[in-house]
Amino acid sequence: MPELSVILSTPSNLLGSYSSMLVLVNKTSVPTDVLTKSFASAEALAKRHPEGIGYMCVMMPDSNPPDGPGRVKINEWMHRFAPTHMTLSFNLVIENDTM
């Protein structure tokens, strides 16, 4: 059975993995150190799953998007990493308790 791992847990951010899927949940913002940790985690996960990984980022309703330098960091990393390591994945995000 695949292992569920919590990689980082703060009051504002949660980063974890399940099998070849990495999930980052942001409650308020996405600090640069969280981006750095999530990218390093994705690269480590890709070494364990050379067939490809999935990466889901969840922005909760009251969260703020990454700032300008954060967006540049995300864009540069995605263009370098995603073409060779990420596969198609299905993501379901439920933002409230209606179920």
PDB file of N, CA and C in Angstrom:
ATOM      1  N   MET A   1       0.842  -1.178   0.000  1.00  0.00           N
ATOM      2  CA  MET A   1       0.000   0.000   0.000  1.00  0.00           C
ATOM      3  C   MET A   1       0.888   1.244   0.000  1.00  0.00           C
ATOM      4  N   PRO A   2       0.575   2.249  -0.834  1.00  0.00           N
ATOM      5  CA  PRO A   2       1.361   3.486  -0.865  1.00  0.00           C
ATOM      6  C   PRO A   2       1.334   4.192   0.485  1.00  0.00           C
ATOM      7  N   GLU A   3       2.420   4.885   0.765  1.00  0.00           N
ATOM      8  CA  GLU A   3       2.555   5.577   2.041  1.00  0.00           C
ATOM      9  C   GLU A   3       2.071   7.022   1.947  1.00  0.00           C
ATOM     10  N   LEU A   4       1.331   7.443   2.943  1.00  0.00           N
ATOM     11  CA  LEU A   4       0.891   8.827   3.076  1.00  0.00           C
ATOM     12  C   LEU A   4       1.885   9.527   3.984  1.00  0.00           C
ATOM     13  N   SER A   5       2.485  10.625   3.511  1.00  0.00           N
ATOM     14  CA  SER A   5       3.516  11.320   4.283  1.00  0.00           C
ATOM     15  C   SER A   5       3.186  12.791   4.424  1.00  0.00           C
ATOM     16  N   VAL A   6       3.325  13.316   5.629  1.00  0.00           N
ATOM     17  CA  VAL A   6       3.254  14.756   5.867  1.00  0.00           C
ATOM     18  C   VAL A   6       4.686  15.263   5.843  1.00  0.00           C
ATOM     19  N   ILE A   7       4.969  16.179   4.933  1.00  0.00           N
ATOM     20  CA  ILE A   7       6.316  16.694   4.747  1.00  0.00           C
ATOM     21  C   ILE A   7       6.509  17.994   5.521  1.00  0.00           C
ATOM     22  N   LEU A   8       5.486  18.840   5.516  1.00  0.00           N
ATOM     23  CA  LEU A   8       5.555  20.143   6.176  1.00  0.00           C
ATOM     24  C   LEU A   8       4.162  20.499   6.674  1.00  0.00           C
ATOM     25  N   SER A   9       4.086  20.943   7.914  1.00  0.00           N
ATOM     26  CA  SER A   9       2.806  21.360   8.475  1.00  0.00           C
ATOM     27  C   SER A   9       3.022  22.623   9.293  1.00  0.00           C
ATOM     28  N   THR A  10       2.393  23.720   8.864  1.00  0.00           N
ATOM     29  CA  THR A  10       2.427  24.990   9.585  1.00  0.00           C
ATOM     30  C   THR A  10       0.977  25.446   9.745  1.00  0.00           C
ATOM     31  N   PRO A  11       0.727  26.493  10.515  1.00  0.00           N
ATOM     32  CA  PRO A  11      -0.654  26.981  10.618  1.00  0.00           C
ATOM     33  C   PRO A  11      -1.247  27.426   9.269  1.00  0.00           C
ATOM     34  N   SER A  12      -0.392  27.770   8.312  1.00  0.00           N
ATOM     35  CA  SER A  12      -0.875  28.278   7.023  1.00  0.00           C
ATOM     36  C   SER A  12      -0.690  27.333   5.847  1.00  0.00           C
ATOM     37  N   ASN A  13       0.166  26.316   5.982  1.00  0.00           N
ATOM     38  CA  ASN A  13       0.497  25.464   4.842  1.00  0.00           C
ATOM     39  C   ASN A  13       0.624  24.009   5.262  1.00  0.00           C
ATOM     40  N   LEU A  14       0.214  23.128   4.354  1.00  0.00           N
ATOM     41  CA  LEU A  14       0.368  21.690   4.566  1.00  0.00           C
ATOM     42  C   LEU A  14       0.904  21.093   3.270  1.00  0.00           C
ATOM     43  N   LEU A  15       1.982  20.346   3.377  1.00  0.00           N
ATOM     44  CA  LEU A  15       2.593  19.697   2.226  1.00  0.00           C
ATOM     45  C   LEU A  15       2.702  18.215   2.537  1.00  0.00           C
ATOM     46  N   GLY A  16       2.196  17.399   1.638  1.00  0.00           N
ATOM     47  CA  GLY A  16       2.248  15.964   1.848  1.00  0.00           C
ATOM     48  C   GLY A  16       2.271  15.213   0.539  1.00  0.00           C
ATOM     49  N   SER A  17       2.490  13.908   0.649  1.00  0.00           N
ATOM     50  CA  SER A  17       2.500  13.076  -0.553  1.00  0.00           C
ATOM     51  C   SER A  17       1.768  11.780  -0.289  1.00  0.00           C
ATOM     52  N   TYR A  18       1.252  11.212  -1.367  1.00  0.00           N
ATOM     53  CA  TYR A  18       0.638   9.890  -1.364  1.00  0.00           C
ATOM     54  C   TYR A  18       1.058   9.226  -2.660  1.00  0.00           C
ATOM     55  N   SER A  19       1.793   8.158  -2.547  1.00  0.00           N
ATOM     56  CA  SER A  19       2.319   7.464  -3.704  1.00  0.00           C
ATOM     57  C   SER A  19       3.124   8.451  -4.548  1.00  0.00           C
ATOM     58  N   SER A  20       2.728   8.689  -5.795  1.00  0.00           N
ATOM     59  CA  SER A  20       3.466   9.602  -6.668  1.00  0.00           C
ATOM     60  C   SER A  20       2.789  10.968  -6.786  1.00  0.00           C
ATOM     61  N   MET A  21       1.934  11.299  -5.827  1.00  0.00           N
ATOM     62  CA  MET A  21       1.186  12.565  -5.853  1.00  0.00           C
ATOM     63  C   MET A  21       1.639  13.461  -4.709  1.00  0.00           C
ATOM     64  N   LEU A  22       1.986  14.702  -5.020  1.00  0.00           N
ATOM     65  CA  LEU A  22       2.359  15.699  -4.019  1.00  0.00           C
ATOM     66  C   LEU A  22       1.219  16.707  -3.918  1.00  0.00           C
ATOM     67  N   VAL A  23       0.848  17.069  -2.690  1.00  0.00           N
ATOM     68  CA  VAL A  23      -0.251  18.008  -2.474  1.00  0.00           C
ATOM     69  C   VAL A  23       0.222  19.123  -1.545  1.00  0.00           C
ATOM     70  N   LEU A  24       0.007  20.359  -1.973  1.00  0.00           N
ATOM     71  CA  LEU A  24       0.316  21.536  -1.170  1.00  0.00           C
ATOM     72  C   LEU A  24      -0.981  22.300  -0.941  1.00  0.00           C
ATOM     73  N   VAL A  25      -1.360  22.494   0.332  1.00  0.00           N
ATOM     74  CA  VAL A  25      -2.572  23.232   0.686  1.00  0.00           C
ATOM     75  C   VAL A  25      -2.142  24.520   1.370  1.00  0.00           C
ATOM     76  N   ASN A  26      -2.654  25.641   0.867  1.00  0.00           N
ATOM     77  CA  ASN A  26      -2.297  26.957   1.398  1.00  0.00           C
ATOM     78  C   ASN A  26      -3.529  27.635   1.970  1.00  0.00           C
ATOM     79  N   LYS A  27      -3.484  27.934   3.254  1.00  0.00           N
ATOM     80  CA  LYS A  27      -4.619  28.561   3.932  1.00  0.00           C
ATOM     81  C   LYS A  27      -4.601  30.078   3.791  1.00  0.00           C
ATOM     82  N   THR A  28      -3.410  30.700   3.870  1.00  0.00           N
ATOM     83  CA  THR A  28      -3.344  32.159   3.813  1.00  0.00           C
ATOM     84  C   THR A  28      -2.422  32.686   2.723  1.00  0.00           C
ATOM     85  N   SER A  29      -1.236  32.086   2.577  1.00  0.00           N
ATOM     86  CA  SER A  29      -0.266  32.565   1.591  1.00  0.00           C
ATOM     87  C   SER A  29       0.698  31.431   1.249  1.00  0.00           C
ATOM     88  N   VAL A  30       1.611  31.725   0.316  1.00  0.00           N
ATOM     89  CA  VAL A  30       2.619  30.735  -0.083  1.00  0.00           C
ATOM     90  C   VAL A  30       3.996  31.379   0.074  1.00  0.00           C
ATOM     91  N   PRO A  31       4.594  31.277   1.257  1.00  0.00           N
ATOM     92  CA  PRO A  31       5.922  31.867   1.459  1.00  0.00           C
ATOM     93  C   PRO A  31       6.986  31.190   0.595  1.00  0.00           C
ATOM     94  N   THR A  32       8.045  31.917   0.298  1.00  0.00           N
ATOM     95  CA  THR A  32       9.123  31.395  -0.540  1.00  0.00           C
ATOM     96  C   THR A  32       9.729  30.120   0.034  1.00  0.00           C
ATOM     97  N   ASP A  33       9.881  30.048   1.364  1.00  0.00           N
ATOM     98  CA  ASP A  33      10.478  28.843   1.939  1.00  0.00           C
ATOM     99  C   ASP A  33       9.583  27.621   1.740  1.00  0.00           C
ATOM    100  N   VAL A  34       8.269  27.822   1.701  1.00  0.00           N
ATOM    101  CA  VAL A  34       7.346  26.714   1.438  1.00  0.00           C
ATOM    102  C   VAL A  34       7.466  26.279  -0.021  1.00  0.00           C
ATOM    103  N   LEU A  35       7.587  27.241  -0.935  1.00  0.00           N
ATOM    104  CA  LEU A  35       7.789  26.898  -2.348  1.00  0.00           C
ATOM    105  C   LEU A  35       9.075  26.093  -2.516  1.00  0.00           C
ATOM    106  N   THR A  36      10.140  26.546  -1.890  1.00  0.00           N
ATOM    107  CA  THR A  36      11.423  25.850  -1.986  1.00  0.00           C
ATOM    108  C   THR A  36      11.305  24.418  -1.477  1.00  0.00           C
ATOM    109  N   LYS A  37      10.648  24.230  -0.337  1.00  0.00           N
ATOM    110  CA  LYS A  37      10.461  22.888   0.236  1.00  0.00           C
ATOM    111  C   LYS A  37       9.593  22.029  -0.678  1.00  0.00           C
ATOM    112  N   SER A  38       8.534  22.611  -1.250  1.00  0.00           N
ATOM    113  CA  SER A  38       7.646  21.822  -2.115  1.00  0.00           C
ATOM    114  C   SER A  38       8.351  21.408  -3.403  1.00  0.00           C
ATOM    115  N   PHE A  39       9.169  22.293  -3.977  1.00  0.00           N
ATOM    116  CA  PHE A  39       9.889  21.940  -5.197  1.00  0.00           C
ATOM    117  C   PHE A  39      10.927  20.850  -4.918  1.00  0.00           C
ATOM    118  N   ALA A  40      11.633  20.965  -3.795  1.00  0.00           N
ATOM    119  CA  ALA A  40      12.610  19.930  -3.431  1.00  0.00           C
ATOM    120  C   ALA A  40      11.907  18.593  -3.197  1.00  0.00           C
ATOM    121  N   SER A  41      10.731  18.638  -2.586  1.00  0.00           N
ATOM    122  CA  SER A  41       9.961  17.408  -2.346  1.00  0.00           C
ATOM    123  C   SER A  41       9.504  16.787  -3.657  1.00  0.00           C
ATOM    124  N   ALA A  42       9.084  17.619  -4.604  1.00  0.00           N
ATOM    125  CA  ALA A  42       8.662  17.109  -5.915  1.00  0.00           C
ATOM    126  C   ALA A  42       9.833  16.442  -6.631  1.00  0.00           C
ATOM    127  N   GLU A  43      11.004  17.048  -6.558  1.00  0.00           N
ATOM    128  CA  GLU A  43      12.166  16.472  -7.220  1.00  0.00           C
ATOM    129  C   GLU A  43      12.577  15.153  -6.571  1.00  0.00           C
ATOM    130  N   ALA A  44      12.487  15.063  -5.235  1.00  0.00           N
ATOM    131  CA  ALA A  44      12.786  13.813  -4.542  1.00  0.00           C
ATOM    132  C   ALA A  44      11.759  12.738  -4.899  1.00  0.00           C
ATOM    133  N   LEU A  45      10.491  13.129  -4.991  1.00  0.00           N
ATOM    134  CA  LEU A  45       9.427  12.185  -5.351  1.00  0.00           C
ATOM    135  C   LEU A  45       9.637  11.667  -6.776  1.00  0.00           C
ATOM    136  N   ALA A  46      10.076  12.534  -7.675  1.00  0.00           N
ATOM    137  CA  ALA A  46      10.314  12.129  -9.064  1.00  0.00           C
ATOM    138  C   ALA A  46      11.442  11.102  -9.165  1.00  0.00           C
ATOM    139  N   LYS A  47      12.410  11.176  -8.273  1.00  0.00           N
ATOM    140  CA  LYS A  47      13.484  10.172  -8.270  1.00  0.00           C
ATOM    141  C   LYS A  47      12.948   8.803  -7.868  1.00  0.00           C
ATOM    142  N   ARG A  48      11.941   8.785  -6.983  1.00  0.00           N
ATOM    143  CA  ARG A  48      11.341   7.512  -6.555  1.00  0.00           C
ATOM    144  C   ARG A  48      10.309   7.007  -7.560  1.00  0.00           C
ATOM    145  N   HIS A  49       9.784   7.916  -8.408  1.00  0.00           N
ATOM    146  CA  HIS A  49       8.757   7.558  -9.393  1.00  0.00           C
ATOM    147  C   HIS A  49       9.175   8.109 -10.758  1.00  0.00           C
ATOM    148  N   PRO A  50      10.137   7.493 -11.412  1.00  0.00           N
ATOM    149  CA  PRO A  50      10.629   8.019 -12.689  1.00  0.00           C
ATOM    150  C   PRO A  50       9.577   8.010 -13.796  1.00  0.00           C
ATOM    151  N   GLU A  51       8.476   7.275 -13.606  1.00  0.00           N
ATOM    152  CA  GLU A  51       7.407   7.270 -14.613  1.00  0.00           C
ATOM    153  C   GLU A  51       6.608   8.566 -14.591  1.00  0.00           C
ATOM    154  N   GLY A  52       6.802   9.396 -13.567  1.00  0.00           N
ATOM    155  CA  GLY A  52       6.140  10.695 -13.479  1.00  0.00           C
ATOM    156  C   GLY A  52       5.402  10.862 -12.162  1.00  0.00           C
ATOM    157  N   ILE A  53       5.134  12.129 -11.816  1.00  0.00           N
ATOM    158  CA  ILE A  53       4.412  12.449 -10.587  1.00  0.00           C
ATOM    159  C   ILE A  53       3.299  13.433 -10.890  1.00  0.00           C
ATOM    160  N   GLY A  54       2.414  13.592  -9.926  1.00  0.00           N
ATOM    161  CA  GLY A  54       1.399  14.629  -9.985  1.00  0.00           C
ATOM    162  C   GLY A  54       1.663  15.637  -8.883  1.00  0.00           C
ATOM    163  N   TYR A  55       1.258  16.877  -9.083  1.00  0.00           N
ATOM    164  CA  TYR A  55       1.459  17.931  -8.091  1.00  0.00           C
ATOM    165  C   TYR A  55       0.186  18.756  -8.062  1.00  0.00           C
ATOM    166  N   MET A  56      -0.465  18.793  -6.914  1.00  0.00           N
ATOM    167  CA  MET A  56      -1.691  19.574  -6.776  1.00  0.00           C
ATOM    168  C   MET A  56      -1.461  20.663  -5.740  1.00  0.00           C
ATOM    169  N   CYS A  57      -1.824  21.878  -6.087  1.00  0.00           N
ATOM    170  CA  CYS A  57      -1.739  23.000  -5.165  1.00  0.00           C
ATOM    171  C   CYS A  57      -3.162  23.497  -4.912  1.00  0.00           C
ATOM    172  N   VAL A  58      -3.543  23.548  -3.644  1.00  0.00           N
ATOM    173  CA  VAL A  58      -4.880  23.990  -3.255  1.00  0.00           C
ATOM    174  C   VAL A  58      -4.761  25.346  -2.583  1.00  0.00           C
ATOM    175  N   MET A  59      -5.445  26.330  -3.114  1.00  0.00           N
ATOM    176  CA  MET A  59      -5.496  27.656  -2.507  1.00  0.00           C
ATOM    177  C   MET A  59      -6.872  27.797  -1.857  1.00  0.00           C
ATOM    178  N   MET A  60      -6.894  27.891  -0.542  1.00  0.00           N
ATOM    179  CA  MET A  60      -8.149  28.017   0.180  1.00  0.00           C
ATOM    180  C   MET A  60      -8.780  29.380  -0.127  1.00  0.00           C
ATOM    181  N   PRO A  61     -10.099  29.517   0.081  1.00  0.00           N
ATOM    182  CA  PRO A  61     -10.817  30.728  -0.333  1.00  0.00           C
ATOM    183  C   PRO A  61     -10.237  32.048   0.162  1.00  0.00           C
ATOM    184  N   ASP A  62      -9.692  32.128   1.361  1.00  0.00           N
ATOM    185  CA  ASP A  62      -9.171  33.396   1.879  1.00  0.00           C
ATOM    186  C   ASP A  62      -7.664  33.552   1.708  1.00  0.00           C
ATOM    187  N   SER A  63      -7.049  32.692   0.900  1.00  0.00           N
ATOM    188  CA  SER A  63      -5.596  32.767   0.735  1.00  0.00           C
ATOM    189  C   SER A  63      -5.206  33.830  -0.284  1.00  0.00           C
ATOM    190  N   ASN A  64      -3.958  34.255  -0.207  1.00  0.00           N
ATOM    191  CA  ASN A  64      -3.398  35.222  -1.154  1.00  0.00           C
ATOM    192  C   ASN A  64      -2.516  34.488  -2.149  1.00  0.00           C
ATOM    193  N   PRO A  65      -2.525  34.914  -3.406  1.00  0.00           N
ATOM    194  CA  PRO A  65      -1.643  34.280  -4.391  1.00  0.00           C
ATOM    195  C   PRO A  65      -0.183  34.613  -4.071  1.00  0.00           C
ATOM    196  N   PRO A  66       0.747  33.852  -4.637  1.00  0.00           N
ATOM    197  CA  PRO A  66       2.167  34.162  -4.427  1.00  0.00           C
ATOM    198  C   PRO A  66       2.487  35.574  -4.909  1.00  0.00           C
ATOM    199  N   ASP A  67       3.473  36.208  -4.268  1.00  0.00           N
ATOM    200  CA  ASP A  67       3.886  37.543  -4.694  1.00  0.00           C
ATOM    201  C   ASP A  67       4.671  37.448  -6.005  1.00  0.00           C
ATOM    202  N   GLY A  68       5.105  38.578  -6.537  1.00  0.00           N
ATOM    203  CA  GLY A  68       5.821  38.619  -7.817  1.00  0.00           C
ATOM    204  C   GLY A  68       7.027  37.701  -7.875  1.00  0.00           C
ATOM    205  N   PRO A  69       7.962  37.801  -6.901  1.00  0.00           N
ATOM    206  CA  PRO A  69       9.117  36.885  -6.922  1.00  0.00           C
ATOM    207  C   PRO A  69       8.698  35.420  -6.790  1.00  0.00           C
ATOM    208  N   GLY A  70       7.660  35.146  -6.030  1.00  0.00           N
ATOM    209  CA  GLY A  70       7.161  33.774  -5.903  1.00  0.00           C
ATOM    210  C   GLY A  70       6.629  33.245  -7.219  1.00  0.00           C
ATOM    211  N   ARG A  71       5.913  34.089  -7.947  1.00  0.00           N
ATOM    212  CA  ARG A  71       5.377  33.670  -9.249  1.00  0.00           C
ATOM    213  C   ARG A  71       6.498  33.377 -10.241  1.00  0.00           C
ATOM    214  N   VAL A  72       7.534  34.205 -10.217  1.00  0.00           N
ATOM    215  CA  VAL A  72       8.694  33.970 -11.100  1.00  0.00           C
ATOM    216  C   VAL A  72       9.332  32.634 -10.749  1.00  0.00           C
ATOM    217  N   LYS A  73       9.503  32.360  -9.452  1.00  0.00           N
ATOM    218  CA  LYS A  73      10.101  31.099  -8.991  1.00  0.00           C
ATOM    219  C   LYS A  73       9.270  29.904  -9.464  1.00  0.00           C
ATOM    220  N   ILE A  74       7.948  29.990  -9.331  1.00  0.00           N
ATOM    221  CA  ILE A  74       7.050  28.910  -9.766  1.00  0.00           C
ATOM    222  C   ILE A  74       7.178  28.697 -11.271  1.00  0.00           C
ATOM    223  N   ASN A  75       7.126  29.779 -12.030  1.00  0.00           N
ATOM    224  CA  ASN A  75       7.188  29.694 -13.489  1.00  0.00           C
ATOM    225  C   ASN A  75       8.503  29.068 -13.959  1.00  0.00           C
ATOM    226  N   GLU A  76       9.613  29.520 -13.394  1.00  0.00           N
ATOM    227  CA  GLU A  76      10.909  28.974 -13.789  1.00  0.00           C
ATOM    228  C   GLU A  76      10.995  27.478 -13.465  1.00  0.00           C
ATOM    229  N   TRP A  77      10.532  27.098 -12.266  1.00  0.00           N
ATOM    230  CA  TRP A  77      10.604  25.697 -11.871  1.00  0.00           C
ATOM    231  C   TRP A  77       9.706  24.827 -12.748  1.00  0.00           C
ATOM    232  N   MET A  78       8.493  25.279 -13.005  1.00  0.00           N
ATOM    233  CA  MET A  78       7.559  24.495 -13.824  1.00  0.00           C
ATOM    234  C   MET A  78       8.102  24.282 -15.235  1.00  0.00           C
ATOM    235  N   HIS A  79       8.688  25.303 -15.829  1.00  0.00           N
ATOM    236  CA  HIS A  79       9.227  25.151 -17.177  1.00  0.00           C
ATOM    237  C   HIS A  79      10.424  24.205 -17.220  1.00  0.00           C
ATOM    238  N   ARG A  80      11.170  24.128 -16.138  1.00  0.00           N
ATOM    239  CA  ARG A  80      12.328  23.243 -16.085  1.00  0.00           C
ATOM    240  C   ARG A  80      11.919  21.813 -15.734  1.00  0.00           C
ATOM    241  N   PHE A  81      11.005  21.667 -14.772  1.00  0.00           N
ATOM    242  CA  PHE A  81      10.718  20.364 -14.185  1.00  0.00           C
ATOM    243  C   PHE A  81       9.558  19.619 -14.858  1.00  0.00           C
ATOM    244  N   ALA A  82       8.466  20.301 -15.080  1.00  0.00           N
ATOM    245  CA  ALA A  82       7.230  19.647 -15.518  1.00  0.00           C
ATOM    246  C   ALA A  82       7.332  18.875 -16.836  1.00  0.00           C
ATOM    247  N   PRO A  83       7.999  19.380 -17.861  1.00  0.00           N
ATOM    248  CA  PRO A  83       7.991  18.643 -19.136  1.00  0.00           C
ATOM    249  C   PRO A  83       8.536  17.219 -19.058  1.00  0.00           C
ATOM    250  N   THR A  84       9.434  16.961 -18.131  1.00  0.00           N
ATOM    251  CA  THR A  84      10.030  15.619 -18.074  1.00  0.00           C
ATOM    252  C   THR A  84       9.570  14.771 -16.905  1.00  0.00           C
ATOM    253  N   HIS A  85       8.891  15.366 -15.912  1.00  0.00           N
ATOM    254  CA  HIS A  85       8.585  14.601 -14.709  1.00  0.00           C
ATOM    255  C   HIS A  85       7.112  14.526 -14.312  1.00  0.00           C
ATOM    256  N   MET A  86       6.269  15.366 -14.857  1.00  0.00           N
ATOM    257  CA  MET A  86       4.891  15.369 -14.385  1.00  0.00           C
ATOM    258  C   MET A  86       3.973  14.686 -15.387  1.00  0.00           C
ATOM    259  N   THR A  87       3.021  13.910 -14.858  1.00  0.00           N
ATOM    260  CA  THR A  87       2.063  13.195 -15.678  1.00  0.00           C
ATOM    261  C   THR A  87       0.670  13.761 -15.424  1.00  0.00           C
ATOM    262  N   LEU A  88      -0.273  13.336 -16.221  1.00  0.00           N
ATOM    263  CA  LEU A  88      -1.653  13.776 -16.049  1.00  0.00           C
ATOM    264  C   LEU A  88      -2.209  13.233 -14.738  1.00  0.00           C
ATOM    265  N   SER A  89      -2.879  14.066 -13.989  1.00  0.00           N
ATOM    266  CA  SER A  89      -3.497  13.612 -12.744  1.00  0.00           C
ATOM    267  C   SER A  89      -4.866  14.263 -12.589  1.00  0.00           C
ATOM    268  N   PHE A  90      -5.712  13.638 -11.817  1.00  0.00           N
ATOM    269  CA  PHE A  90      -7.053  14.146 -11.551  1.00  0.00           C
ATOM    270  C   PHE A  90      -7.064  14.724 -10.152  1.00  0.00           C
ATOM    271  N   ASN A  91      -7.564  15.942 -10.009  1.00  0.00           N
ATOM    272  CA  ASN A  91      -7.574  16.609  -8.711  1.00  0.00           C
ATOM    273  C   ASN A  91      -8.988  17.051  -8.367  1.00  0.00           C
ATOM    274  N   LEU A  92      -9.410  16.765  -7.166  1.00  0.00           N
ATOM    275  CA  LEU A  92     -10.710  17.197  -6.660  1.00  0.00           C
ATOM    276  C   LEU A  92     -10.464  18.033  -5.421  1.00  0.00           C
ATOM    277  N   VAL A  93     -10.934  19.270  -5.440  1.00  0.00           N
ATOM    278  CA  VAL A  93     -10.767  20.167  -4.307  1.00  0.00           C
ATOM    279  C   VAL A  93     -12.154  20.542  -3.800  1.00  0.00           C
ATOM    280  N   ILE A  94     -12.439  20.241  -2.542  1.00  0.00           N
ATOM    281  CA  ILE A  94     -13.716  20.587  -1.910  1.00  0.00           C
ATOM    282  C   ILE A  94     -13.447  21.695  -0.922  1.00  0.00           C
ATOM    283  N   GLU A  95     -14.068  22.852  -1.104  1.00  0.00           N
ATOM    284  CA  GLU A  95     -13.764  24.014  -0.296  1.00  0.00           C
ATOM    285  C   GLU A  95     -14.679  24.206   0.906  1.00  0.00           C
ATOM    286  N   ASN A  96     -15.678  23.360   1.097  1.00  0.00           N
ATOM    287  CA  ASN A  96     -16.549  23.503   2.262  1.00  0.00           C
ATOM    288  C   ASN A  96     -17.084  22.135   2.682  1.00  0.00           C
ATOM    289  N   ASP A  97     -17.912  22.119   3.685  1.00  0.00           N
ATOM    290  CA  ASP A  97     -18.410  20.855   4.247  1.00  0.00           C
ATOM    291  C   ASP A  97     -19.815  20.509   3.774  1.00  0.00           C
ATOM    292  N   THR A  98     -20.086  20.575   2.483  1.00  0.00           N
ATOM    293  CA  THR A  98     -21.426  20.332   1.973  1.00  0.00           C
ATOM    294  C   THR A  98     -21.683  18.864   1.672  1.00  0.00           C
ATOM    295  N   MET A  99     -20.665  18.006   1.783  1.00  0.00           N
ATOM    296  CA  MET A  99     -20.856  16.598   1.438  1.00  0.00           C
ATOM    297  C   MET A  99     -21.375  15.807   2.636  1.00  0.00           C
TER     298      MET A  99
END
